[in-house]
Amino acid sequence: MIAMKGTSENVIREGKPEVRHYDPNNLLDTLIKHLQVKNDAALSRMLEVAPPVISKIRHNRLPVGASILIRMHEVSQLSIKELRDLMGDRRGKFRISDKQFKPPQRKSQAE
């Protein structure tokens, strides 16, 4: 069985599952069809982002960040999980580095 573009199933060839890799183009193409818009420029207007943002995502120069993912959800009514599946993001949890929330260490006065 071969998964259709836009589904969240894995591709199976010769009895072995093949894990789909990160591909934002699948997400963008599916959104264009789902929202019935003509092209990337029309999609950028729907999402209220600059056209270069869509271009950079399409060419893997910019990751699909949380804010644009939420905007895609708001506009398309697709769940965040469905949107993540469309782009090949299979992470179960998002972990934030503990370093991001630690204040910088101050030098003690004894030094």
PDB file of N, CA and C in Angstrom:
ATOM      1  N   MET A   1       0.848  -1.166   0.000  1.00  0.00           N
ATOM      2  CA  MET A   1       0.000   0.000   0.000  1.00  0.00           C
ATOM      3  C   MET A   1       0.898   1.235   0.000  1.00  0.00           C
ATOM      4  N   ILE A   2       0.572   2.182  -0.836  1.00  0.00           N
ATOM      5  CA  ILE A   2       1.325   3.431  -0.895  1.00  0.00           C
ATOM      6  C   ILE A   2       0.398   4.547  -0.462  1.00  0.00           C
ATOM      7  N   ALA A   3       0.854   5.345   0.492  1.00  0.00           N
ATOM      8  CA  ALA A   3       0.017   6.424   1.018  1.00  0.00           C
ATOM      9  C   ALA A   3      -0.140   7.506  -0.037  1.00  0.00           C
ATOM     10  N   MET A   4      -1.313   8.070  -0.084  1.00  0.00           N
ATOM     11  CA  MET A   4      -1.583   9.183  -0.986  1.00  0.00           C
ATOM     12  C   MET A   4      -0.959  10.440  -0.404  1.00  0.00           C
ATOM     13  N   LYS A   5      -0.595  11.358  -1.272  1.00  0.00           N
ATOM     14  CA  LYS A   5      -0.060  12.621  -0.807  1.00  0.00           C
ATOM     15  C   LYS A   5      -1.113  13.320   0.033  1.00  0.00           C
ATOM     16  N   GLY A   6      -0.721  13.777   1.218  1.00  0.00           N
ATOM     17  CA  GLY A   6      -1.655  14.477   2.076  1.00  0.00           C
ATOM     18  C   GLY A   6      -2.276  13.597   3.146  1.00  0.00           C
ATOM     19  N   THR A   7      -1.923  12.312   3.164  1.00  0.00           N
ATOM     20  CA  THR A   7      -2.433  11.453   4.229  1.00  0.00           C
ATOM     21  C   THR A   7      -1.338  11.258   5.252  1.00  0.00           C
ATOM     22  N   SER A   8      -1.718  10.772   6.413  1.00  0.00           N
ATOM     23  CA  SER A   8      -0.729  10.624   7.481  1.00  0.00           C
ATOM     24  C   SER A   8      -0.224   9.189   7.591  1.00  0.00           C
ATOM     25  N   GLU A   9      -0.522   8.337   6.612  1.00  0.00           N
ATOM     26  CA  GLU A   9      -0.038   6.964   6.651  1.00  0.00           C
ATOM     27  C   GLU A   9       1.408   6.916   6.192  1.00  0.00           C
ATOM     28  N   ASN A  10       2.137   5.901   6.672  1.00  0.00           N
ATOM     29  CA  ASN A  10       3.496   5.707   6.201  1.00  0.00           C
ATOM     30  C   ASN A  10       3.456   4.978   4.870  1.00  0.00           C
ATOM     31  N   VAL A  11       4.481   5.155   4.070  1.00  0.00           N
ATOM     32  CA  VAL A  11       4.585   4.453   2.804  1.00  0.00           C
ATOM     33  C   VAL A  11       5.154   3.066   3.086  1.00  0.00           C
ATOM     34  N   ILE A  12       4.554   2.045   2.512  1.00  0.00           N
ATOM     35  CA  ILE A  12       5.042   0.687   2.715  1.00  0.00           C
ATOM     36  C   ILE A  12       5.475   0.135   1.364  1.00  0.00           C
ATOM     37  N   ARG A  13       6.724  -0.253   1.264  1.00  0.00           N
ATOM     38  CA  ARG A  13       7.268  -0.859   0.054  1.00  0.00           C
ATOM     39  C   ARG A  13       7.979  -2.140   0.450  1.00  0.00           C
ATOM     40  N   GLU A  14       7.723  -3.173  -0.303  1.00  0.00           N
ATOM     41  CA  GLU A  14       8.355  -4.477  -0.085  1.00  0.00           C
ATOM     42  C   GLU A  14       8.187  -4.944   1.353  1.00  0.00           C
ATOM     43  N   GLY A  15       7.025  -4.663   1.947  1.00  0.00           N
ATOM     44  CA  GLY A  15       6.722  -5.150   3.283  1.00  0.00           C
ATOM     45  C   GLY A  15       7.362  -4.375   4.412  1.00  0.00           C
ATOM     46  N   LYS A  16       8.158  -3.365   4.100  1.00  0.00           N
ATOM     47  CA  LYS A  16       8.829  -2.579   5.133  1.00  0.00           C
ATOM     48  C   LYS A  16       8.255  -1.174   5.156  1.00  0.00           C
ATOM     49  N   PRO A  17       7.902  -0.674   6.351  1.00  0.00           N
ATOM     50  CA  PRO A  17       7.409   0.703   6.400  1.00  0.00           C
ATOM     51  C   PRO A  17       8.539   1.689   6.147  1.00  0.00           C
ATOM     52  N   GLU A  18       8.253   2.709   5.386  1.00  0.00           N
ATOM     53  CA  GLU A  18       9.240   3.754   5.107  1.00  0.00           C
ATOM     54  C   GLU A  18       8.734   5.023   5.779  1.00  0.00           C
ATOM     55  N   VAL A  19       9.486   5.542   6.699  1.00  0.00           N
ATOM     56  CA  VAL A  19       9.073   6.726   7.439  1.00  0.00           C
ATOM     57  C   VAL A  19       9.212   7.941   6.532  1.00  0.00           C
ATOM     58  N   ARG A  20       8.147   8.734   6.452  1.00  0.00           N
ATOM     59  CA  ARG A  20       8.208   9.937   5.641  1.00  0.00           C
ATOM     60  C   ARG A  20       9.038  10.976   6.362  1.00  0.00           C
ATOM     61  N   HIS A  21       9.795  11.724   5.602  1.00  0.00           N
ATOM     62  CA  HIS A  21      10.670  12.743   6.165  1.00  0.00           C
ATOM     63  C   HIS A  21       9.992  14.103   6.126  1.00  0.00           C
ATOM     64  N   TYR A  22      10.570  15.022   6.861  1.00  0.00           N
ATOM     65  CA  TYR A  22      10.051  16.382   6.917  1.00  0.00           C
ATOM     66  C   TYR A  22       9.959  16.964   5.515  1.00  0.00           C
ATOM     67  N   ASP A  23       8.769  17.383   5.118  1.00  0.00           N
ATOM     68  CA  ASP A  23       8.550  17.963   3.803  1.00  0.00           C
ATOM     69  C   ASP A  23       7.458  19.017   3.903  1.00  0.00           C
ATOM     70  N   PRO A  24       7.831  20.282   4.080  1.00  0.00           N
ATOM     71  CA  PRO A  24       6.813  21.325   4.209  1.00  0.00           C
ATOM     72  C   PRO A  24       6.022  21.546   2.923  1.00  0.00           C
ATOM     73  N   ASN A  25       6.552  21.107   1.774  1.00  0.00           N
ATOM     74  CA  ASN A  25       5.832  21.282   0.514  1.00  0.00           C
ATOM     75  C   ASN A  25       4.499  20.545   0.529  1.00  0.00           C
ATOM     76  N   ASN A  26       4.465  19.362   1.126  1.00  0.00           N
ATOM     77  CA  ASN A  26       3.221  18.614   1.226  1.00  0.00           C
ATOM     78  C   ASN A  26       2.191  19.408   2.027  1.00  0.00           C
ATOM     79  N   LEU A  27       2.627  19.998   3.123  1.00  0.00           N
ATOM     80  CA  LEU A  27       1.744  20.825   3.947  1.00  0.00           C
ATOM     81  C   LEU A  27       1.218  22.010   3.150  1.00  0.00           C
ATOM     82  N   LEU A  28       2.103  22.745   2.485  1.00  0.00           N
ATOM     83  CA  LEU A  28       1.692  23.933   1.737  1.00  0.00           C
ATOM     84  C   LEU A  28       0.767  23.575   0.578  1.00  0.00           C
ATOM     85  N   ASP A  29       1.107  22.505  -0.151  1.00  0.00           N
ATOM     86  CA  ASP A  29       0.263  22.083  -1.278  1.00  0.00           C
ATOM     87  C   ASP A  29      -1.122  21.653  -0.815  1.00  0.00           C
ATOM     88  N   THR A  30      -1.184  20.936   0.293  1.00  0.00           N
ATOM     89  CA  THR A  30      -2.469  20.500   0.830  1.00  0.00           C
ATOM     90  C   THR A  30      -3.300  21.693   1.299  1.00  0.00           C
ATOM     91  N   LEU A  31      -2.646  22.661   1.943  1.00  0.00           N
ATOM     92  CA  LEU A  31      -3.370  23.868   2.370  1.00  0.00           C
ATOM     93  C   LEU A  31      -3.925  24.640   1.178  1.00  0.00           C
ATOM     94  N   ILE A  32      -3.150  24.736   0.115  1.00  0.00           N
ATOM     95  CA  ILE A  32      -3.610  25.434  -1.093  1.00  0.00           C
ATOM     96  C   ILE A  32      -4.864  24.760  -1.633  1.00  0.00           C
ATOM     97  N   LYS A  33      -4.859  23.430  -1.681  1.00  0.00           N
ATOM     98  CA  LYS A  33      -6.041  22.702  -2.165  1.00  0.00           C
ATOM     99  C   LYS A  33      -7.204  22.838  -1.188  1.00  0.00           C
ATOM    100  N   HIS A  34      -6.931  22.678   0.095  1.00  0.00           N
ATOM    101  CA  HIS A  34      -7.982  22.720   1.120  1.00  0.00           C
ATOM    102  C   HIS A  34      -8.662  24.090   1.170  1.00  0.00           C
ATOM    103  N   LEU A  35      -7.874  25.146   1.062  1.00  0.00           N
ATOM    104  CA  LEU A  35      -8.408  26.505   1.138  1.00  0.00           C
ATOM    105  C   LEU A  35      -8.881  27.014  -0.222  1.00  0.00           C
ATOM    106  N   GLN A  36      -8.657  26.217  -1.251  1.00  0.00           N
ATOM    107  CA  GLN A  36      -9.063  26.539  -2.620  1.00  0.00           C
ATOM    108  C   GLN A  36      -8.509  27.885  -3.075  1.00  0.00           C
ATOM    109  N   VAL A  37      -7.204  28.043  -2.852  1.00  0.00           N
ATOM    110  CA  VAL A  37      -6.519  29.231  -3.346  1.00  0.00           C
ATOM    111  C   VAL A  37      -5.636  28.821  -4.512  1.00  0.00           C
ATOM    112  N   LYS A  38      -5.194  29.823  -5.265  1.00  0.00           N
ATOM    113  CA  LYS A  38      -4.518  29.571  -6.526  1.00  0.00           C
ATOM    114  C   LYS A  38      -3.040  29.187  -6.395  1.00  0.00           C
ATOM    115  N   ASN A  39      -2.331  29.873  -5.484  1.00  0.00           N
ATOM    116  CA  ASN A  39      -0.871  29.697  -5.424  1.00  0.00           C
ATOM    117  C   ASN A  39      -0.333  30.136  -4.066  1.00  0.00           C
ATOM    118  N   ASP A  40       1.002  30.140  -3.957  1.00  0.00           N
ATOM    119  CA  ASP A  40       1.658  30.515  -2.698  1.00  0.00           C
ATOM    120  C   ASP A  40       1.349  31.963  -2.295  1.00  0.00           C
ATOM    121  N   ALA A  41       1.247  32.849  -3.282  1.00  0.00           N
ATOM    122  CA  ALA A  41       0.957  34.259  -2.970  1.00  0.00           C
ATOM    123  C   ALA A  41      -0.425  34.389  -2.338  1.00  0.00           C
ATOM    124  N   ALA A  42      -1.384  33.672  -2.883  1.00  0.00           N
ATOM    125  CA  ALA A  42      -2.744  33.711  -2.316  1.00  0.00           C
ATOM    126  C   ALA A  42      -2.761  33.077  -0.927  1.00  0.00           C
ATOM    127  N   LEU A  43      -1.980  32.010  -0.748  1.00  0.00           N
ATOM    128  CA  LEU A  43      -1.885  31.377   0.573  1.00  0.00           C
ATOM    129  C   LEU A  43      -1.285  32.347   1.584  1.00  0.00           C
ATOM    130  N   SER A  44      -0.259  33.072   1.179  1.00  0.00           N
ATOM    131  CA  SER A  44       0.366  34.030   2.105  1.00  0.00           C
ATOM    132  C   SER A  44      -0.623  35.113   2.512  1.00  0.00           C
ATOM    133  N   ARG A  45      -1.494  35.530   1.590  1.00  0.00           N
ATOM    134  CA  ARG A  45      -2.516  36.520   1.949  1.00  0.00           C
ATOM    135  C   ARG A  45      -3.516  35.934   2.943  1.00  0.00           C
ATOM    136  N   MET A  46      -3.913  34.679   2.729  1.00  0.00           N
ATOM    137  CA  MET A  46      -4.856  34.031   3.649  1.00  0.00           C
ATOM    138  C   MET A  46      -4.255  33.910   5.048  1.00  0.00           C
ATOM    139  N   LEU A  47      -2.961  33.580   5.107  1.00  0.00           N
ATOM    140  CA  LEU A  47      -2.288  33.387   6.397  1.00  0.00           C
ATOM    141  C   LEU A  47      -1.796  34.707   6.993  1.00  0.00           C
ATOM    142  N   GLU A  48      -1.902  35.777   6.211  1.00  0.00           N
ATOM    143  CA  GLU A  48      -1.449  37.103   6.628  1.00  0.00           C
ATOM    144  C   GLU A  48       0.039  37.122   6.971  1.00  0.00           C
ATOM    145  N   VAL A  49       0.826  36.521   6.075  1.00  0.00           N
ATOM    146  CA  VAL A  49       2.288  36.559   6.186  1.00  0.00           C
ATOM    147  C   VAL A  49       2.841  37.069   4.858  1.00  0.00           C
ATOM    148  N   ALA A  50       4.055  37.547   4.887  1.00  0.00           N
ATOM    149  CA  ALA A  50       4.694  38.030   3.664  1.00  0.00           C
ATOM    150  C   ALA A  50       4.984  36.848   2.729  1.00  0.00           C
ATOM    151  N   PRO A  51       4.838  37.039   1.428  1.00  0.00           N
ATOM    152  CA  PRO A  51       5.112  35.945   0.477  1.00  0.00           C
ATOM    153  C   PRO A  51       6.489  35.292   0.633  1.00  0.00           C
ATOM    154  N   PRO A  52       7.548  36.048   0.977  1.00  0.00           N
ATOM    155  CA  PRO A  52       8.841  35.381   1.153  1.00  0.00           C
ATOM    156  C   PRO A  52       8.845  34.337   2.278  1.00  0.00           C
ATOM    157  N   VAL A  53       7.968  34.483   3.257  1.00  0.00           N
ATOM    158  CA  VAL A  53       7.896  33.497   4.338  1.00  0.00           C
ATOM    159  C   VAL A  53       7.487  32.137   3.765  1.00  0.00           C
ATOM    160  N   ILE A  54       6.462  32.127   2.912  1.00  0.00           N
ATOM    161  CA  ILE A  54       6.012  30.874   2.294  1.00  0.00           C
ATOM    162  C   ILE A  54       7.118  30.316   1.410  1.00  0.00           C
ATOM    163  N   SER A  55       7.782  31.187   0.651  1.00  0.00           N
ATOM    164  CA  SER A  55       8.870  30.741  -0.222  1.00  0.00           C
ATOM    165  C   SER A  55      10.011  30.122   0.580  1.00  0.00           C
ATOM    166  N   LYS A  56      10.374  30.756   1.681  1.00  0.00           N
ATOM    167  CA  LYS A  56      11.468  30.223   2.510  1.00  0.00           C
ATOM    168  C   LYS A  56      11.085  28.894   3.146  1.00  0.00           C
ATOM    169  N   ILE A  57       9.830  28.754   3.561  1.00  0.00           N
ATOM    170  CA  ILE A  57       9.375  27.464   4.107  1.00  0.00           C
ATOM    171  C   ILE A  57       9.431  26.405   3.014  1.00  0.00           C
ATOM    172  N   ARG A  58       8.948  26.744   1.821  1.00  0.00           N
ATOM    173  CA  ARG A  58       8.916  25.786   0.715  1.00  0.00           C
ATOM    174  C   ARG A  58      10.312  25.318   0.324  1.00  0.00           C
ATOM    175  N   HIS A  59      11.305  26.187   0.444  1.00  0.00           N
ATOM    176  CA  HIS A  59      12.678  25.839   0.047  1.00  0.00           C
ATOM    177  C   HIS A  59      13.556  25.438   1.232  1.00  0.00           C
ATOM    178  N   ASN A  60      12.918  25.066   2.347  1.00  0.00           N
ATOM    179  CA  ASN A  60      13.620  24.584   3.549  1.00  0.00           C
ATOM    180  C   ASN A  60      14.646  25.564   4.099  1.00  0.00           C
ATOM    181  N   ARG A  61      14.388  26.851   3.946  1.00  0.00           N
ATOM    182  CA  ARG A  61      15.272  27.847   4.549  1.00  0.00           C
ATOM    183  C   ARG A  61      14.686  28.418   5.823  1.00  0.00           C
ATOM    184  N   LEU A  62      13.416  28.082   6.103  1.00  0.00           N
ATOM    185  CA  LEU A  62      12.742  28.558   7.305  1.00  0.00           C
ATOM    186  C   LEU A  62      11.838  27.429   7.791  1.00  0.00           C
ATOM    187  N   PRO A  63      11.970  27.044   9.058  1.00  0.00           N
ATOM    188  CA  PRO A  63      11.084  25.984   9.561  1.00  0.00           C
ATOM    189  C   PRO A  63       9.664  26.513   9.773  1.00  0.00           C
ATOM    190  N   VAL A  64       8.719  25.605   9.798  1.00  0.00           N
ATOM    191  CA  VAL A  64       7.339  25.977  10.107  1.00  0.00           C
ATOM    192  C   VAL A  64       7.285  26.190  11.609  1.00  0.00           C
ATOM    193  N   GLY A  65       7.230  27.420  12.015  1.00  0.00           N
ATOM    194  CA  GLY A  65       7.239  27.757  13.433  1.00  0.00           C
ATOM    195  C   GLY A  65       5.856  27.658  14.051  1.00  0.00           C
ATOM    196  N   ALA A  66       5.822  27.788  15.357  1.00  0.00           N
ATOM    197  CA  ALA A  66       4.570  27.658  16.102  1.00  0.00           C
ATOM    198  C   ALA A  66       3.541  28.692  15.678  1.00  0.00           C
ATOM    199  N   SER A  67       3.954  29.931  15.493  1.00  0.00           N
ATOM    200  CA  SER A  67       2.981  30.986  15.183  1.00  0.00           C
ATOM    201  C   SER A  67       2.320  30.764  13.827  1.00  0.00           C
ATOM    202  N   ILE A  68       3.086  30.363  12.816  1.00  0.00           N
ATOM    203  CA  ILE A  68       2.471  30.133  11.504  1.00  0.00           C
ATOM    204  C   ILE A  68       1.648  28.842  11.513  1.00  0.00           C
ATOM    205  N   LEU A  69       2.081  27.864  12.292  1.00  0.00           N
ATOM    206  CA  LEU A  69       1.314  26.625  12.419  1.00  0.00           C
ATOM    207  C   LEU A  69      -0.051  26.909  13.056  1.00  0.00           C
ATOM    208  N   ILE A  70      -0.067  27.756  14.066  1.00  0.00           N
ATOM    209  CA  ILE A  70      -1.331  28.142  14.700  1.00  0.00           C
ATOM    210  C   ILE A  70      -2.201  28.922  13.718  1.00  0.00           C
ATOM    211  N   ARG A  71      -1.586  29.799  12.951  1.00  0.00           N
ATOM    212  CA  ARG A  71      -2.360  30.554  11.950  1.00  0.00           C
ATOM    213  C   ARG A  71      -2.935  29.612  10.889  1.00  0.00           C
ATOM    214  N   MET A  72      -2.170  28.606  10.456  1.00  0.00           N
ATOM    215  CA  MET A  72      -2.672  27.616   9.496  1.00  0.00           C
ATOM    216  C   MET A  72      -3.884  26.889  10.080  1.00  0.00           C
ATOM    217  N   HIS A  73      -3.804  26.572  11.364  1.00  0.00           N
ATOM    218  CA  HIS A  73      -4.919  25.912  12.045  1.00  0.00           C
ATOM    219  C   HIS A  73      -6.153  26.816  12.064  1.00  0.00           C
ATOM    220  N   GLU A  74      -5.965  28.082  12.412  1.00  0.00           N
ATOM    221  CA  GLU A  74      -7.088  29.017  12.486  1.00  0.00           C
ATOM    222  C   GLU A  74      -7.780  29.189  11.138  1.00  0.00           C
ATOM    223  N   VAL A  75      -6.995  29.281  10.082  1.00  0.00           N
ATOM    224  CA  VAL A  75      -7.547  29.528   8.750  1.00  0.00           C
ATOM    225  C   VAL A  75      -8.164  28.264   8.145  1.00  0.00           C
ATOM    226  N   SER A  76      -7.521  27.118   8.335  1.00  0.00           N
ATOM    227  CA  SER A  76      -7.960  25.883   7.667  1.00  0.00           C
ATOM    228  C   SER A  76      -8.911  25.034   8.500  1.00  0.00           C
ATOM    229  N   GLN A  77      -8.930  25.246   9.809  1.00  0.00           N
ATOM    230  CA  GLN A  77      -9.692  24.417  10.747  1.00  0.00           C
ATOM    231  C   GLN A  77      -9.166  22.979  10.815  1.00  0.00           C
ATOM    232  N   LEU A  78      -7.966  22.721  10.268  1.00  0.00           N
ATOM    233  CA  LEU A  78      -7.301  21.430  10.436  1.00  0.00           C
ATOM    234  C   LEU A  78      -6.607  21.455  11.787  1.00  0.00           C
ATOM    235  N   SER A  79      -6.563  20.313  12.461  1.00  0.00           N
ATOM    236  CA  SER A  79      -5.918  20.272  13.768  1.00  0.00           C
ATOM    237  C   SER A  79      -4.406  20.451  13.620  1.00  0.00           C
ATOM    238  N   ILE A  80      -3.780  20.857  14.705  1.00  0.00           N
ATOM    239  CA  ILE A  80      -2.321  21.005  14.705  1.00  0.00           C
ATOM    240  C   ILE A  80      -1.674  19.662  14.381  1.00  0.00           C
ATOM    241  N   LYS A  81      -2.205  18.586  14.922  1.00  0.00           N
ATOM    242  CA  LYS A  81      -1.661  17.248  14.645  1.00  0.00           C
ATOM    243  C   LYS A  81      -1.765  16.920  13.160  1.00  0.00           C
ATOM    244  N   GLU A  82      -2.901  17.226  12.540  1.00  0.00           N
ATOM    245  CA  GLU A  82      -3.051  16.973  11.104  1.00  0.00           C
ATOM    246  C   GLU A  82      -2.041  17.791  10.304  1.00  0.00           C
ATOM    247  N   LEU A  83      -1.862  19.045  10.672  1.00  0.00           N
ATOM    248  CA  LEU A  83      -0.902  19.904   9.975  1.00  0.00           C
ATOM    249  C   LEU A  83       0.517  19.368  10.134  1.00  0.00           C
ATOM    250  N   ARG A  84       0.865  18.937  11.356  1.00  0.00           N
ATOM    251  CA  ARG A  84       2.202  18.384  11.603  1.00  0.00           C
ATOM    252  C   ARG A  84       2.394  17.087  10.824  1.00  0.00           C
ATOM    253  N   ASP A  85       1.365  16.244  10.768  1.00  0.00           N
ATOM    254  CA  ASP A  85       1.452  15.002   9.996  1.00  0.00           C
ATOM    255  C   ASP A  85       1.678  15.293   8.520  1.00  0.00           C
ATOM    256  N   LEU A  86       1.026  16.322   7.994  1.00  0.00           N
ATOM    257  CA  LEU A  86       1.171  16.666   6.585  1.00  0.00           C
ATOM    258  C   LEU A  86       2.601  17.058   6.228  1.00  0.00           C
ATOM    259  N   MET A  87       3.303  17.662   7.174  1.00  0.00           N
ATOM    260  CA  MET A  87       4.683  18.054   6.867  1.00  0.00           C
ATOM    261  C   MET A  87       5.707  17.008   7.309  1.00  0.00           C
ATOM    262  N   GLY A  88       5.220  15.895   7.879  1.00  0.00           N
ATOM    263  CA  GLY A  88       6.128  14.822   8.253  1.00  0.00           C
ATOM    264  C   GLY A  88       6.706  14.957   9.642  1.00  0.00           C
ATOM    265  N   ASP A  89       6.142  15.819  10.467  1.00  0.00           N
ATOM    266  CA  ASP A  89       6.622  15.999  11.842  1.00  0.00           C
ATOM    267  C   ASP A  89       5.921  14.981  12.726  1.00  0.00           C
ATOM    268  N   ARG A  90       6.656  13.992  13.206  1.00  0.00           N
ATOM    269  CA  ARG A  90       6.070  12.910  13.984  1.00  0.00           C
ATOM    270  C   ARG A  90       6.455  12.945  15.463  1.00  0.00           C
ATOM    271  N   ARG A  91       6.997  14.074  15.923  1.00  0.00           N
ATOM    272  CA  ARG A  91       7.406  14.147  17.327  1.00  0.00           C
ATOM    273  C   ARG A  91       6.188  14.046  18.225  1.00  0.00           C
ATOM    274  N   GLY A  92       6.312  13.244  19.267  1.00  0.00           N
ATOM    275  CA  GLY A  92       5.222  13.101  20.216  1.00  0.00           C
ATOM    276  C   GLY A  92       5.146  14.256  21.191  1.00  0.00           C
ATOM    277  N   LYS A  93       6.297  14.808  21.534  1.00  0.00           N
ATOM    278  CA  LYS A  93       6.372  15.910  22.489  1.00  0.00           C
ATOM    279  C   LYS A  93       7.354  16.948  21.980  1.00  0.00           C
ATOM    280  N   PHE A  94       7.108  18.172  22.365  1.00  0.00           N
ATOM    281  CA  PHE A  94       8.057  19.238  22.082  1.00  0.00           C
ATOM    282  C   PHE A  94       8.752  19.571  23.372  1.00  0.00           C
ATOM    283  N   ARG A  95      10.039  19.504  23.358  1.00  0.00           N
ATOM    284  CA  ARG A  95      10.796  19.787  24.572  1.00  0.00           C
ATOM    285  C   ARG A  95      11.548  21.090  24.406  1.00  0.00           C
ATOM    286  N   ILE A  96      11.471  21.892  25.435  1.00  0.00           N
ATOM    287  CA  ILE A  96      12.192  23.151  25.453  1.00  0.00           C
ATOM    288  C   ILE A  96      13.422  22.950  26.310  1.00  0.00           C
ATOM    289  N   SER A  97      14.519  23.396  25.809  1.00  0.00           N
ATOM    290  CA  SER A  97      15.767  23.265  26.540  1.00  0.00           C
ATOM    291  C   SER A  97      15.666  23.970  27.882  1.00  0.00           C
ATOM    292  N   ASP A  98      16.204  23.328  28.924  1.00  0.00           N
ATOM    293  CA  ASP A  98      16.173  23.960  30.246  1.00  0.00           C
ATOM    294  C   ASP A  98      17.054  25.203  30.284  1.00  0.00           C
ATOM    295  N   LYS A  99      17.952  25.342  29.347  1.00  0.00           N
ATOM    296  CA  LYS A  99      18.830  26.513  29.300  1.00  0.00           C
ATOM    297  C   LYS A  99      18.057  27.770  28.909  1.00  0.00           C
ATOM    298  N   GLN A 100      16.944  27.608  28.203  1.00  0.00           N
ATOM    299  CA  GLN A 100      16.194  28.770  27.736  1.00  0.00           C
ATOM    300  C   GLN A 100      15.565  29.553  28.882  1.00  0.00           C
ATOM    301  N   PHE A 101      15.289  28.906  29.989  1.00  0.00           N
ATOM    302  CA  PHE A 101      14.586  29.581  31.068  1.00  0.00           C
ATOM    303  C   PHE A 101      15.457  29.869  32.277  1.00  0.00           C
ATOM    304  N   LYS A 102      16.717  29.515  32.215  1.00  0.00           N
ATOM    305  CA  LYS A 102      17.611  29.797  33.333  1.00  0.00           C
ATOM    306  C   LYS A 102      18.199  31.188  33.174  1.00  0.00           C
ATOM    307  N   PRO A 103      18.149  31.980  34.239  1.00  0.00           N
ATOM    308  CA  PRO A 103      18.801  33.296  34.154  1.00  0.00           C
ATOM    309  C   PRO A 103      20.317  33.102  34.098  1.00  0.00           C
ATOM    310  N   PRO A 104      21.021  34.040  33.490  1.00  0.00           N
ATOM    311  CA  PRO A 104      22.477  33.913  33.436  1.00  0.00           C
ATOM    312  C   PRO A 104      23.062  33.910  34.847  1.00  0.00           C
ATOM    313  N   GLN A 105      24.067  33.087  35.034  1.00  0.00           N
ATOM    314  CA  GLN A 105      24.687  33.009  36.364  1.00  0.00           C
ATOM    315  C   GLN A 105      25.567  34.230  36.588  1.00  0.00           C
ATOM    316  N   ARG A 106      25.409  34.782  37.767  1.00  0.00           N
ATOM    317  CA  ARG A 106      26.241  35.944  38.143  1.00  0.00           C
ATOM    318  C   ARG A 106      27.484  35.454  38.847  1.00  0.00           C
ATOM    319  N   LYS A 107      28.521  36.218  38.675  1.00  0.00           N
ATOM    320  CA  LYS A 107      29.751  35.880  39.378  1.00  0.00           C
ATOM    321  C   LYS A 107      29.561  36.211  40.849  1.00  0.00           C
ATOM    322  N   SER A 108      30.000  35.301  41.688  1.00  0.00           N
ATOM    323  CA  SER A 108      29.838  35.556  43.123  1.00  0.00           C
ATOM    324  C   SER A 108      30.797  36.658  43.567  1.00  0.00           C
ATOM    325  N   GLN A 109      30.486  37.303  44.691  1.00  0.00           N
ATOM    326  CA  GLN A 109      31.300  38.404  45.172  1.00  0.00           C
ATOM    327  C   GLN A 109      32.606  37.918  45.758  1.00  0.00           C
ATOM    328  N   ALA A 110      32.713  36.630  46.037  1.00  0.00           N
ATOM    329  CA  ALA A 110      33.933  36.084  46.617  1.00  0.00           C
ATOM    330  C   ALA A 110      35.045  36.009  45.575  1.00  0.00           C
ATOM    331  N   GLU A 111      34.685  36.062  44.312  1.00  0.00           N
ATOM    332  CA  GLU A 111      35.705  35.932  43.265  1.00  0.00           C
ATOM    333  C   GLU A 111      36.465  37.183  43.028  1.00  0.00           C
TER     334      GLU A 111
END
